[in-house]
Amino acid sequence: MTAVSVPIEHVLVLAAALFTIGLVGVLVRRNVIFLLMSLEIMMNACGLAFIAAGARWAEADGQIMYMLILALAAAEVAVGLGLVLQLQRRFNNLDIDAASELAG
């Protein structure tokens, strides 16, 4: 079997489309869960671009950056889950505007 390579332009267009979808989700939605999901889409789009660039130049740098993005995503999920629980417990909704009333 021969390996089929995908042109880097196609991968970068997909990454740009995913990033745009995530950006629209961040700007339009007011629900915390949808906001966090949009941020995850944006980080995965950046990771895809790093992987494509690393594969293009046959370097492991893209994969290393993607592992850092995965670690950042795990930290975001942990903090986001705590924020979602506090918003639901105090205000009985997940509106992002209610987060301005939370005092640390």
PDB file of N, CA and C in Angstrom:
ATOM      1  N   MET A   1       0.827  -1.181   0.000  1.00  0.00           N
ATOM      2  CA  MET A   1       0.000   0.000   0.000  1.00  0.00           C
ATOM      3  C   MET A   1       0.871   1.243   0.000  1.00  0.00           C
ATOM      4  N   THR A   2       0.431   2.225  -0.713  1.00  0.00           N
ATOM      5  CA  THR A   2       1.145   3.493  -0.729  1.00  0.00           C
ATOM      6  C   THR A   2       0.386   4.505   0.107  1.00  0.00           C
ATOM      7  N   ALA A   3       1.140   5.356   0.736  1.00  0.00           N
ATOM      8  CA  ALA A   3       0.522   6.390   1.570  1.00  0.00           C
ATOM      9  C   ALA A   3       0.045   7.534   0.689  1.00  0.00           C
ATOM     10  N   VAL A   4      -1.135   7.992   0.955  1.00  0.00           N
ATOM     11  CA  VAL A   4      -1.695   9.126   0.223  1.00  0.00           C
ATOM     12  C   VAL A   4      -1.480  10.365   1.061  1.00  0.00           C
ATOM     13  N   SER A   5      -0.842  11.353   0.473  1.00  0.00           N
ATOM     14  CA  SER A   5      -0.597  12.580   1.230  1.00  0.00           C
ATOM     15  C   SER A   5      -1.635  13.635   0.846  1.00  0.00           C
ATOM     16  N   VAL A   6      -2.084  14.329   1.847  1.00  0.00           N
ATOM     17  CA  VAL A   6      -3.044  15.409   1.646  1.00  0.00           C
ATOM     18  C   VAL A   6      -2.250  16.709   1.521  1.00  0.00           C
ATOM     19  N   PRO A   7      -2.552  17.526   0.531  1.00  0.00           N
ATOM     20  CA  PRO A   7      -1.825  18.800   0.409  1.00  0.00           C
ATOM     21  C   PRO A   7      -2.014  19.673   1.656  1.00  0.00           C
ATOM     22  N   ILE A   8      -0.970  20.371   2.022  1.00  0.00           N
ATOM     23  CA  ILE A   8      -1.010  21.192   3.230  1.00  0.00           C
ATOM     24  C   ILE A   8      -2.044  22.305   3.106  1.00  0.00           C
ATOM     25  N   GLU A   9      -2.309  22.762   1.893  1.00  0.00           N
ATOM     26  CA  GLU A   9      -3.301  23.818   1.711  1.00  0.00           C
ATOM     27  C   GLU A   9      -4.687  23.353   2.144  1.00  0.00           C
ATOM     28  N   HIS A  10      -5.018  22.102   1.843  1.00  0.00           N
ATOM     29  CA  HIS A  10      -6.327  21.568   2.235  1.00  0.00           C
ATOM     30  C   HIS A  10      -6.455  21.494   3.754  1.00  0.00           C
ATOM     31  N   VAL A  11      -5.387  21.077   4.401  1.00  0.00           N
ATOM     32  CA  VAL A  11      -5.410  20.957   5.858  1.00  0.00           C
ATOM     33  C   VAL A  11      -5.510  22.341   6.494  1.00  0.00           C
ATOM     34  N   LEU A  12      -4.794  23.313   5.961  1.00  0.00           N
ATOM     35  CA  LEU A  12      -4.844  24.657   6.524  1.00  0.00           C
ATOM     36  C   LEU A  12      -6.194  25.325   6.284  1.00  0.00           C
ATOM     37  N   VAL A  13      -6.835  25.032   5.157  1.00  0.00           N
ATOM     38  CA  VAL A  13      -8.186  25.553   4.916  1.00  0.00           C
ATOM     39  C   VAL A  13      -9.160  24.946   5.920  1.00  0.00           C
ATOM     40  N   LEU A  14      -9.032  23.653   6.186  1.00  0.00           N
ATOM     41  CA  LEU A  14      -9.875  23.011   7.191  1.00  0.00           C
ATOM     42  C   LEU A  14      -9.628  23.613   8.570  1.00  0.00           C
ATOM     43  N   ALA A  15      -8.364  23.847   8.916  1.00  0.00           N
ATOM     44  CA  ALA A  15      -8.040  24.453  10.207  1.00  0.00           C
ATOM     45  C   ALA A  15      -8.618  25.866  10.300  1.00  0.00           C
ATOM     46  N   ALA A  16      -8.539  26.625   9.223  1.00  0.00           N
ATOM     47  CA  ALA A  16      -9.101  27.977   9.227  1.00  0.00           C
ATOM     48  C   ALA A  16     -10.621  27.946   9.353  1.00  0.00           C
ATOM     49  N   ALA A  17     -11.253  26.982   8.697  1.00  0.00           N
ATOM     50  CA  ALA A  17     -12.713  26.862   8.802  1.00  0.00           C
ATOM     51  C   ALA A  17     -13.122  26.489  10.221  1.00  0.00           C
ATOM     52  N   LEU A  18     -12.409  25.546  10.830  1.00  0.00           N
ATOM     53  CA  LEU A  18     -12.703  25.169  12.220  1.00  0.00           C
ATOM     54  C   LEU A  18     -12.483  26.337  13.172  1.00  0.00           C
ATOM     55  N   PHE A  19     -11.407  27.091  12.959  1.00  0.00           N
ATOM     56  CA  PHE A  19     -11.132  28.231  13.819  1.00  0.00           C
ATOM     57  C   PHE A  19     -12.224  29.286  13.675  1.00  0.00           C
ATOM     58  N   THR A  20     -12.689  29.497  12.450  1.00  0.00           N
ATOM     59  CA  THR A  20     -13.754  30.473  12.214  1.00  0.00           C
ATOM     60  C   THR A  20     -15.055  30.039  12.884  1.00  0.00           C
ATOM     61  N   ILE A  21     -15.380  28.760  12.793  1.00  0.00           N
ATOM     62  CA  ILE A  21     -16.582  28.242  13.460  1.00  0.00           C
ATOM     63  C   ILE A  21     -16.473  28.450  14.968  1.00  0.00           C
ATOM     64  N   GLY A  22     -15.318  28.167  15.533  1.00  0.00           N
ATOM     65  CA  GLY A  22     -15.120  28.376  16.964  1.00  0.00           C
ATOM     66  C   GLY A  22     -15.198  29.844  17.349  1.00  0.00           C
ATOM     67  N   LEU A  23     -14.634  30.719  16.530  1.00  0.00           N
ATOM     68  CA  LEU A  23     -14.668  32.150  16.810  1.00  0.00           C
ATOM     69  C   LEU A  23     -16.093  32.685  16.767  1.00  0.00           C
ATOM     70  N   VAL A  24     -16.868  32.243  15.798  1.00  0.00           N
ATOM     71  CA  VAL A  24     -18.274  32.651  15.726  1.00  0.00           C
ATOM     72  C   VAL A  24     -19.025  32.153  16.952  1.00  0.00           C
ATOM     73  N   GLY A  25     -18.733  30.937  17.388  1.00  0.00           N
ATOM     74  CA  GLY A  25     -19.370  30.403  18.584  1.00  0.00           C
ATOM     75  C   GLY A  25     -19.026  31.200  19.827  1.00  0.00           C
ATOM     76  N   VAL A  26     -17.784  31.658  19.930  1.00  0.00           N
ATOM     77  CA  VAL A  26     -17.380  32.465  21.087  1.00  0.00           C
ATOM     78  C   VAL A  26     -18.074  33.821  21.059  1.00  0.00           C
ATOM     79  N   LEU A  27     -18.186  34.416  19.879  1.00  0.00           N
ATOM     80  CA  LEU A  27     -18.758  35.753  19.784  1.00  0.00           C
ATOM     81  C   LEU A  27     -20.283  35.774  19.889  1.00  0.00           C
ATOM     82  N   VAL A  28     -20.943  34.702  19.485  1.00  0.00           N
ATOM     83  CA  VAL A  28     -22.399  34.705  19.402  1.00  0.00           C
ATOM     84  C   VAL A  28     -23.054  34.113  20.639  1.00  0.00           C
ATOM     85  N   ARG A  29     -22.546  33.023  21.162  1.00  0.00           N
ATOM     86  CA  ARG A  29     -23.217  32.295  22.239  1.00  0.00           C
ATOM     87  C   ARG A  29     -23.003  32.953  23.592  1.00  0.00           C
ATOM     88  N   ARG A  30     -24.001  32.823  24.471  1.00  0.00           N
ATOM     89  CA  ARG A  30     -23.902  33.342  25.823  1.00  0.00           C
ATOM     90  C   ARG A  30     -23.870  32.228  26.854  1.00  0.00           C
ATOM     91  N   ASN A  31     -24.020  30.993  26.448  1.00  0.00           N
ATOM     92  CA  ASN A  31     -24.002  29.855  27.351  1.00  0.00           C
ATOM     93  C   ASN A  31     -22.552  29.436  27.598  1.00  0.00           C
ATOM     94  N   VAL A  32     -22.209  29.180  28.851  1.00  0.00           N
ATOM     95  CA  VAL A  32     -20.828  28.865  29.205  1.00  0.00           C
ATOM     96  C   VAL A  32     -20.367  27.562  28.555  1.00  0.00           C
ATOM     97  N   ILE A  33     -21.236  26.571  28.494  1.00  0.00           N
ATOM     98  CA  ILE A  33     -20.840  25.290  27.913  1.00  0.00           C
ATOM     99  C   ILE A  33     -20.535  25.443  26.428  1.00  0.00           C
ATOM    100  N   PHE A  34     -21.382  26.168  25.697  1.00  0.00           N
ATOM    101  CA  PHE A  34     -21.117  26.396  24.282  1.00  0.00           C
ATOM    102  C   PHE A  34     -19.863  27.247  24.077  1.00  0.00           C
ATOM    103  N   LEU A  35     -19.623  28.173  24.969  1.00  0.00           N
ATOM    104  CA  LEU A  35     -18.420  28.996  24.893  1.00  0.00           C
ATOM    105  C   LEU A  35     -17.175  28.134  25.058  1.00  0.00           C
ATOM    106  N   LEU A  36     -17.192  27.236  26.039  1.00  0.00           N
ATOM    107  CA  LEU A  36     -16.042  26.359  26.250  1.00  0.00           C
ATOM    108  C   LEU A  36     -15.855  25.385  25.085  1.00  0.00           C
ATOM    109  N   MET A  37     -16.958  24.898  24.520  1.00  0.00           N
ATOM    110  CA  MET A  37     -16.844  24.009  23.354  1.00  0.00           C
ATOM    111  C   MET A  37     -16.265  24.757  22.155  1.00  0.00           C
ATOM    112  N   SER A  38     -16.636  26.016  21.987  1.00  0.00           N
ATOM    113  CA  SER A  38     -16.085  26.814  20.893  1.00  0.00           C
ATOM    114  C   SER A  38     -14.594  27.053  21.084  1.00  0.00           C
ATOM    115  N   LEU A  39     -14.183  27.280  22.327  1.00  0.00           N
ATOM    116  CA  LEU A  39     -12.753  27.433  22.593  1.00  0.00           C
ATOM    117  C   LEU A  39     -11.992  26.144  22.292  1.00  0.00           C
ATOM    118  N   GLU A  40     -12.601  25.000  22.599  1.00  0.00           N
ATOM    119  CA  GLU A  40     -11.973  23.714  22.276  1.00  0.00           C
ATOM    120  C   GLU A  40     -11.817  23.546  20.765  1.00  0.00           C
ATOM    121  N   ILE A  41     -12.828  23.939  20.012  1.00  0.00           N
ATOM    122  CA  ILE A  41     -12.736  23.852  18.551  1.00  0.00           C
ATOM    123  C   ILE A  41     -11.607  24.727  18.037  1.00  0.00           C
ATOM    124  N   MET A  42     -11.483  25.926  18.602  1.00  0.00           N
ATOM    125  CA  MET A  42     -10.407  26.824  18.168  1.00  0.00           C
ATOM    126  C   MET A  42      -9.026  26.254  18.494  1.00  0.00           C
ATOM    127  N   MET A  43      -8.884  25.665  19.678  1.00  0.00           N
ATOM    128  CA  MET A  43      -7.583  25.074  20.033  1.00  0.00           C
ATOM    129  C   MET A  43      -7.267  23.864  19.152  1.00  0.00           C
ATOM    130  N   ASN A  44      -8.270  23.068  18.830  1.00  0.00           N
ATOM    131  CA  ASN A  44      -8.027  21.925  17.945  1.00  0.00           C
ATOM    132  C   ASN A  44      -7.666  22.377  16.537  1.00  0.00           C
ATOM    133  N   ALA A  45      -8.235  23.483  16.095  1.00  0.00           N
ATOM    134  CA  ALA A  45      -7.868  24.022  14.781  1.00  0.00           C
ATOM    135  C   ALA A  45      -6.404  24.460  14.769  1.00  0.00           C
ATOM    136  N   CYS A  46      -5.972  25.105  15.839  1.00  0.00           N
ATOM    137  CA  CYS A  46      -4.553  25.493  15.940  1.00  0.00           C
ATOM    138  C   CYS A  46      -3.656  24.268  15.984  1.00  0.00           C
ATOM    139  N   GLY A  47      -4.086  23.244  16.723  1.00  0.00           N
ATOM    140  CA  GLY A  47      -3.311  22.006  16.782  1.00  0.00           C
ATOM    141  C   GLY A  47      -3.204  21.331  15.434  1.00  0.00           C
ATOM    142  N   LEU A  48      -4.290  21.350  14.668  1.00  0.00           N
ATOM    143  CA  LEU A  48      -4.266  20.771  13.324  1.00  0.00           C
ATOM    144  C   LEU A  48      -3.292  21.514  12.427  1.00  0.00           C
ATOM    145  N   ALA A  49      -3.261  22.830  12.537  1.00  0.00           N
ATOM    146  CA  ALA A  49      -2.316  23.624  11.737  1.00  0.00           C
ATOM    147  C   ALA A  49      -0.871  23.309  12.134  1.00  0.00           C
ATOM    148  N   PHE A  50      -0.612  23.151  13.434  1.00  0.00           N
ATOM    149  CA  PHE A  50       0.738  22.804  13.879  1.00  0.00           C
ATOM    150  C   PHE A  50       1.149  21.422  13.378  1.00  0.00           C
ATOM    151  N   ILE A  51       0.249  20.457  13.438  1.00  0.00           N
ATOM    152  CA  ILE A  51       0.552  19.109  12.963  1.00  0.00           C
ATOM    153  C   ILE A  51       0.839  19.120  11.460  1.00  0.00           C
ATOM    154  N   ALA A  52       0.028  19.864  10.705  1.00  0.00           N
ATOM    155  CA  ALA A  52       0.233  19.941   9.256  1.00  0.00           C
ATOM    156  C   ALA A  52       1.582  20.583   8.924  1.00  0.00           C
ATOM    157  N   ALA A  53       1.918  21.645   9.636  1.00  0.00           N
ATOM    158  CA  ALA A  53       3.197  22.307   9.383  1.00  0.00           C
ATOM    159  C   ALA A  53       4.365  21.408   9.762  1.00  0.00           C
ATOM    160  N   GLY A  54       4.237  20.695  10.871  1.00  0.00           N
ATOM    161  CA  GLY A  54       5.303  19.779  11.269  1.00  0.00           C
ATOM    162  C   GLY A  54       5.472  18.643  10.276  1.00  0.00           C
ATOM    163  N   ALA A  55       4.362  18.135   9.750  1.00  0.00           N
ATOM    164  CA  ALA A  55       4.448  17.065   8.751  1.00  0.00           C
ATOM    165  C   ALA A  55       5.030  17.581   7.439  1.00  0.00           C
ATOM    166  N   ARG A  56       4.731  18.812   7.103  1.00  0.00           N
ATOM    167  CA  ARG A  56       5.236  19.399   5.846  1.00  0.00           C
ATOM    168  C   ARG A  56       6.748  19.508   5.854  1.00  0.00           C
ATOM    169  N   TRP A  57       7.310  19.931   6.995  1.00  0.00           N
ATOM    170  CA  TRP A  57       8.753  20.112   7.079  1.00  0.00           C
ATOM    171  C   TRP A  57       9.451  18.949   7.777  1.00  0.00           C
ATOM    172  N   ALA A  58       8.729  17.863   8.016  1.00  0.00           N
ATOM    173  CA  ALA A  58       9.279  16.639   8.611  1.00  0.00           C
ATOM    174  C   ALA A  58       9.995  16.910   9.928  1.00  0.00           C
ATOM    175  N   GLU A  59       9.363  17.728  10.766  1.00  0.00           N
ATOM    176  CA  GLU A  59       9.885  18.054  12.085  1.00  0.00           C
ATOM    177  C   GLU A  59       8.863  17.641  13.135  1.00  0.00           C
ATOM    178  N   ALA A  60       9.334  17.353  14.328  1.00  0.00           N
ATOM    179  CA  ALA A  60       8.452  16.951  15.416  1.00  0.00           C
ATOM    180  C   ALA A  60       7.904  18.141  16.198  1.00  0.00           C
ATOM    181  N   ASP A  61       8.258  19.348  15.794  1.00  0.00           N
ATOM    182  CA  ASP A  61       7.823  20.539  16.526  1.00  0.00           C
ATOM    183  C   ASP A  61       6.310  20.677  16.557  1.00  0.00           C
ATOM    184  N   GLY A  62       5.643  20.350  15.469  1.00  0.00           N
ATOM    185  CA  GLY A  62       4.194  20.443  15.427  1.00  0.00           C
ATOM    186  C   GLY A  62       3.522  19.502  16.407  1.00  0.00           C
ATOM    187  N   GLN A  63       4.058  18.306  16.541  1.00  0.00           N
ATOM    188  CA  GLN A  63       3.496  17.343  17.480  1.00  0.00           C
ATOM    189  C   GLN A  63       3.745  17.772  18.919  1.00  0.00           C
ATOM    190  N   ILE A  64       4.888  18.378  19.179  1.00  0.00           N
ATOM    191  CA  ILE A  64       5.182  18.871  20.526  1.00  0.00           C
ATOM    192  C   ILE A  64       4.236  20.005  20.884  1.00  0.00           C
ATOM    193  N   MET A  65       3.997  20.910  19.939  1.00  0.00           N
ATOM    194  CA  MET A  65       3.056  21.999  20.191  1.00  0.00           C
ATOM    195  C   MET A  65       1.649  21.460  20.411  1.00  0.00           C
ATOM    196  N   TYR A  66       1.280  20.411  19.689  1.00  0.00           N
ATOM    197  CA  TYR A  66      -0.046  19.839  19.875  1.00  0.00           C
ATOM    198  C   TYR A  66      -0.184  19.218  21.267  1.00  0.00           C
ATOM    199  N   MET A  67       0.877  18.610  21.776  1.00  0.00           N
ATOM    200  CA  MET A  67       0.819  18.064  23.133  1.00  0.00           C
ATOM    201  C   MET A  67       0.656  19.184  24.161  1.00  0.00           C
ATOM    202  N   LEU A  68       1.279  20.331  23.923  1.00  0.00           N
ATOM    203  CA  LEU A  68       1.088  21.477  24.806  1.00  0.00           C
ATOM    204  C   LEU A  68      -0.351  21.997  24.724  1.00  0.00           C
ATOM    205  N   ILE A  69      -0.922  21.985  23.525  1.00  0.00           N
ATOM    206  CA  ILE A  69      -2.314  22.401  23.356  1.00  0.00           C
ATOM    207  C   ILE A  69      -3.248  21.445  24.087  1.00  0.00           C
ATOM    208  N   LEU A  70      -2.953  20.146  24.047  1.00  0.00           N
ATOM    209  CA  LEU A  70      -3.768  19.179  24.778  1.00  0.00           C
ATOM    210  C   LEU A  70      -3.688  19.414  26.289  1.00  0.00           C
ATOM    211  N   ALA A  71      -2.517  19.747  26.793  1.00  0.00           N
ATOM    212  CA  ALA A  71      -2.377  20.033  28.223  1.00  0.00           C
ATOM    213  C   ALA A  71      -3.152  21.294  28.592  1.00  0.00           C
ATOM    214  N   LEU A  72      -3.108  22.295  27.739  1.00  0.00           N
ATOM    215  CA  LEU A  72      -3.871  23.516  27.974  1.00  0.00           C
ATOM    216  C   LEU A  72      -5.370  23.240  27.938  1.00  0.00           C
ATOM    217  N   ALA A  73      -5.794  22.385  27.026  1.00  0.00           N
ATOM    218  CA  ALA A  73      -7.212  22.032  26.942  1.00  0.00           C
ATOM    219  C   ALA A  73      -7.671  21.290  28.187  1.00  0.00           C
ATOM    220  N   ALA A  74      -6.835  20.433  28.728  1.00  0.00           N
ATOM    221  CA  ALA A  74      -7.195  19.719  29.955  1.00  0.00           C
ATOM    222  C   ALA A  74      -7.332  20.689  31.119  1.00  0.00           C
ATOM    223  N   ALA A  75      -6.445  21.659  31.211  1.00  0.00           N
ATOM    224  CA  ALA A  75      -6.548  22.664  32.270  1.00  0.00           C
ATOM    225  C   ALA A  75      -7.796  23.515  32.086  1.00  0.00           C
ATOM    226  N   GLU A  76      -8.118  23.840  30.844  1.00  0.00           N
ATOM    227  CA  GLU A  76      -9.320  24.634  30.570  1.00  0.00           C
ATOM    228  C   GLU A  76     -10.577  23.875  30.972  1.00  0.00           C
ATOM    229  N   VAL A  77     -10.607  22.586  30.719  1.00  0.00           N
ATOM    230  CA  VAL A  77     -11.767  21.775  31.093  1.00  0.00           C
ATOM    231  C   VAL A  77     -11.925  21.743  32.608  1.00  0.00           C
ATOM    232  N   ALA A  78     -10.833  21.613  33.328  1.00  0.00           N
ATOM    233  CA  ALA A  78     -10.911  21.571  34.791  1.00  0.00           C
ATOM    234  C   ALA A  78     -11.431  22.888  35.353  1.00  0.00           C
ATOM    235  N   VAL A  79     -10.907  23.998  34.878  1.00  0.00           N
ATOM    236  CA  VAL A  79     -11.358  25.306  35.351  1.00  0.00           C
ATOM    237  C   VAL A  79     -12.787  25.576  34.882  1.00  0.00           C
ATOM    238  N   GLY A  80     -13.081  25.224  33.650  1.00  0.00           N
ATOM    239  CA  GLY A  80     -14.422  25.440  33.109  1.00  0.00           C
ATOM    240  C   GLY A  80     -15.486  24.649  33.839  1.00  0.00           C
ATOM    241  N   LEU A  81     -15.172  23.419  34.225  1.00  0.00           N
ATOM    242  CA  LEU A  81     -16.135  22.614  34.959  1.00  0.00           C
ATOM    243  C   LEU A  81     -16.432  23.234  36.322  1.00  0.00           C
ATOM    244  N   GLY A  82     -15.412  23.725  36.999  1.00  0.00           N
ATOM    245  CA  GLY A  82     -15.636  24.407  38.269  1.00  0.00           C
ATOM    246  C   GLY A  82     -16.483  25.659  38.104  1.00  0.00           C
ATOM    247  N   LEU A  83     -16.238  26.413  37.037  1.00  0.00           N
ATOM    248  CA  LEU A  83     -17.020  27.616  36.761  1.00  0.00           C
ATOM    249  C   LEU A  83     -18.467  27.269  36.443  1.00  0.00           C
ATOM    250  N   VAL A  84     -18.682  26.236  35.649  1.00  0.00           N
ATOM    251  CA  VAL A  84     -20.038  25.810  35.309  1.00  0.00           C
ATOM    252  C   VAL A  84     -20.791  25.371  36.561  1.00  0.00           C
ATOM    253  N   LEU A  85     -20.135  24.621  37.434  1.00  0.00           N
ATOM    254  CA  LEU A  85     -20.796  24.178  38.662  1.00  0.00           C
ATOM    255  C   LEU A  85     -21.166  25.348  39.562  1.00  0.00           C
ATOM    256  N   GLN A  86     -20.279  26.319  39.687  1.00  0.00           N
ATOM    257  CA  GLN A  86     -20.580  27.482  40.518  1.00  0.00           C
ATOM    258  C   GLN A  86     -21.714  28.317  39.930  1.00  0.00           C
ATOM    259  N   LEU A  87     -21.707  28.522  38.626  1.00  0.00           N
ATOM    260  CA  LEU A  87     -22.786  29.287  37.991  1.00  0.00           C
ATOM    261  C   LEU A  87     -24.131  28.593  38.167  1.00  0.00           C
ATOM    262  N   GLN A  88     -24.145  27.290  37.978  1.00  0.00           N
ATOM    263  CA  GLN A  88     -25.402  26.559  38.109  1.00  0.00           C
ATOM    264  C   GLN A  88     -25.886  26.558  39.565  1.00  0.00           C
ATOM    265  N   ARG A  89     -24.974  26.429  40.492  1.00  0.00           N
ATOM    266  CA  ARG A  89     -25.359  26.378  41.907  1.00  0.00           C
ATOM    267  C   ARG A  89     -25.881  27.729  42.395  1.00  0.00           C
ATOM    268  N   ARG A  90     -25.222  28.834  41.993  1.00  0.00           N
ATOM    269  CA  ARG A  90     -25.601  30.146  42.519  1.00  0.00           C
ATOM    270  C   ARG A  90     -26.740  30.812  41.762  1.00  0.00           C
ATOM    271  N   PHE A  91     -26.778  30.656  40.437  1.00  0.00           N
ATOM    272  CA  PHE A  91     -27.737  31.419  39.639  1.00  0.00           C
ATOM    273  C   PHE A  91     -28.768  30.556  38.927  1.00  0.00           C
ATOM    274  N   ASN A  92     -28.629  29.251  38.985  1.00  0.00           N
ATOM    275  CA  ASN A  92     -29.539  28.309  38.320  1.00  0.00           C
ATOM    276  C   ASN A  92     -29.636  28.517  36.813  1.00  0.00           C
ATOM    277  N   ASN A  93     -28.612  29.078  36.218  1.00  0.00           N
ATOM    278  CA  ASN A  93     -28.503  29.143  34.761  1.00  0.00           C
ATOM    279  C   ASN A  93     -27.023  29.188  34.394  1.00  0.00           C
ATOM    280  N   LEU A  94     -26.741  29.058  33.116  1.00  0.00           N
ATOM    281  CA  LEU A  94     -25.356  29.037  32.645  1.00  0.00           C
ATOM    282  C   LEU A  94     -25.060  30.221  31.739  1.00  0.00           C
ATOM    283  N   ASP A  95     -25.687  31.345  31.993  1.00  0.00           N
ATOM    284  CA  ASP A  95     -25.465  32.546  31.200  1.00  0.00           C
ATOM    285  C   ASP A  95     -24.120  33.150  31.577  1.00  0.00           C
ATOM    286  N   ILE A  96     -23.329  33.507  30.596  1.00  0.00           N
ATOM    287  CA  ILE A  96     -21.980  34.033  30.850  1.00  0.00           C
ATOM    288  C   ILE A  96     -22.036  35.400  31.518  1.00  0.00           C
ATOM    289  N   ASP A  97     -23.118  36.152  31.335  1.00  0.00           N
ATOM    290  CA  ASP A  97     -23.237  37.455  31.974  1.00  0.00           C
ATOM    291  C   ASP A  97     -23.376  37.340  33.487  1.00  0.00           C
ATOM    292  N   ALA A  98     -23.877  36.204  33.968  1.00  0.00           N
ATOM    293  CA  ALA A  98     -23.992  35.991  35.416  1.00  0.00           C
ATOM    294  C   ALA A  98     -22.614  35.804  36.045  1.00  0.00           C
ATOM    295  N   ALA A  99     -21.610  35.458  35.257  1.00  0.00           N
ATOM    296  CA  ALA A  99     -20.270  35.258  35.804  1.00  0.00           C
ATOM    297  C   ALA A  99     -19.658  36.549  36.306  1.00  0.00           C
ATOM    298  N   SER A 100     -20.129  37.701  35.838  1.00  0.00           N
ATOM    299  CA  SER A 100     -19.588  38.966  36.320  1.00  0.00           C
ATOM    300  C   SER A 100     -19.976  39.229  37.764  1.00  0.00           C
ATOM    301  N   GLU A 101     -21.007  38.542  38.267  1.00  0.00           N
ATOM    302  CA  GLU A 101     -21.421  38.705  39.655  1.00  0.00           C
ATOM    303  C   GLU A 101     -20.646  37.807  40.620  1.00  0.00           C
ATOM    304  N   LEU A 102     -19.883  36.862  40.094  1.00  0.00           N
ATOM    305  CA  LEU A 102     -19.073  36.005  40.946  1.00  0.00           C
ATOM    306  C   LEU A 102     -17.872  36.781  41.441  1.00  0.00           C
ATOM    307  N   ALA A 103     -17.637  36.749  42.724  1.00  0.00           N
ATOM    308  CA  ALA A 103     -16.481  37.457  43.292  1.00  0.00           C
ATOM    309  C   ALA A 103     -15.554  36.407  43.901  1.00  0.00           C
ATOM    310  N   GLY A 104     -14.261  36.554  43.637  1.00  0.00           N
ATOM    311  CA  GLY A 104     -13.302  35.563  44.104  1.00  0.00           C
ATOM    312  C   GLY A 104     -12.780  35.933  45.422  1.00  0.00           C
TER     313      GLY A 104
END
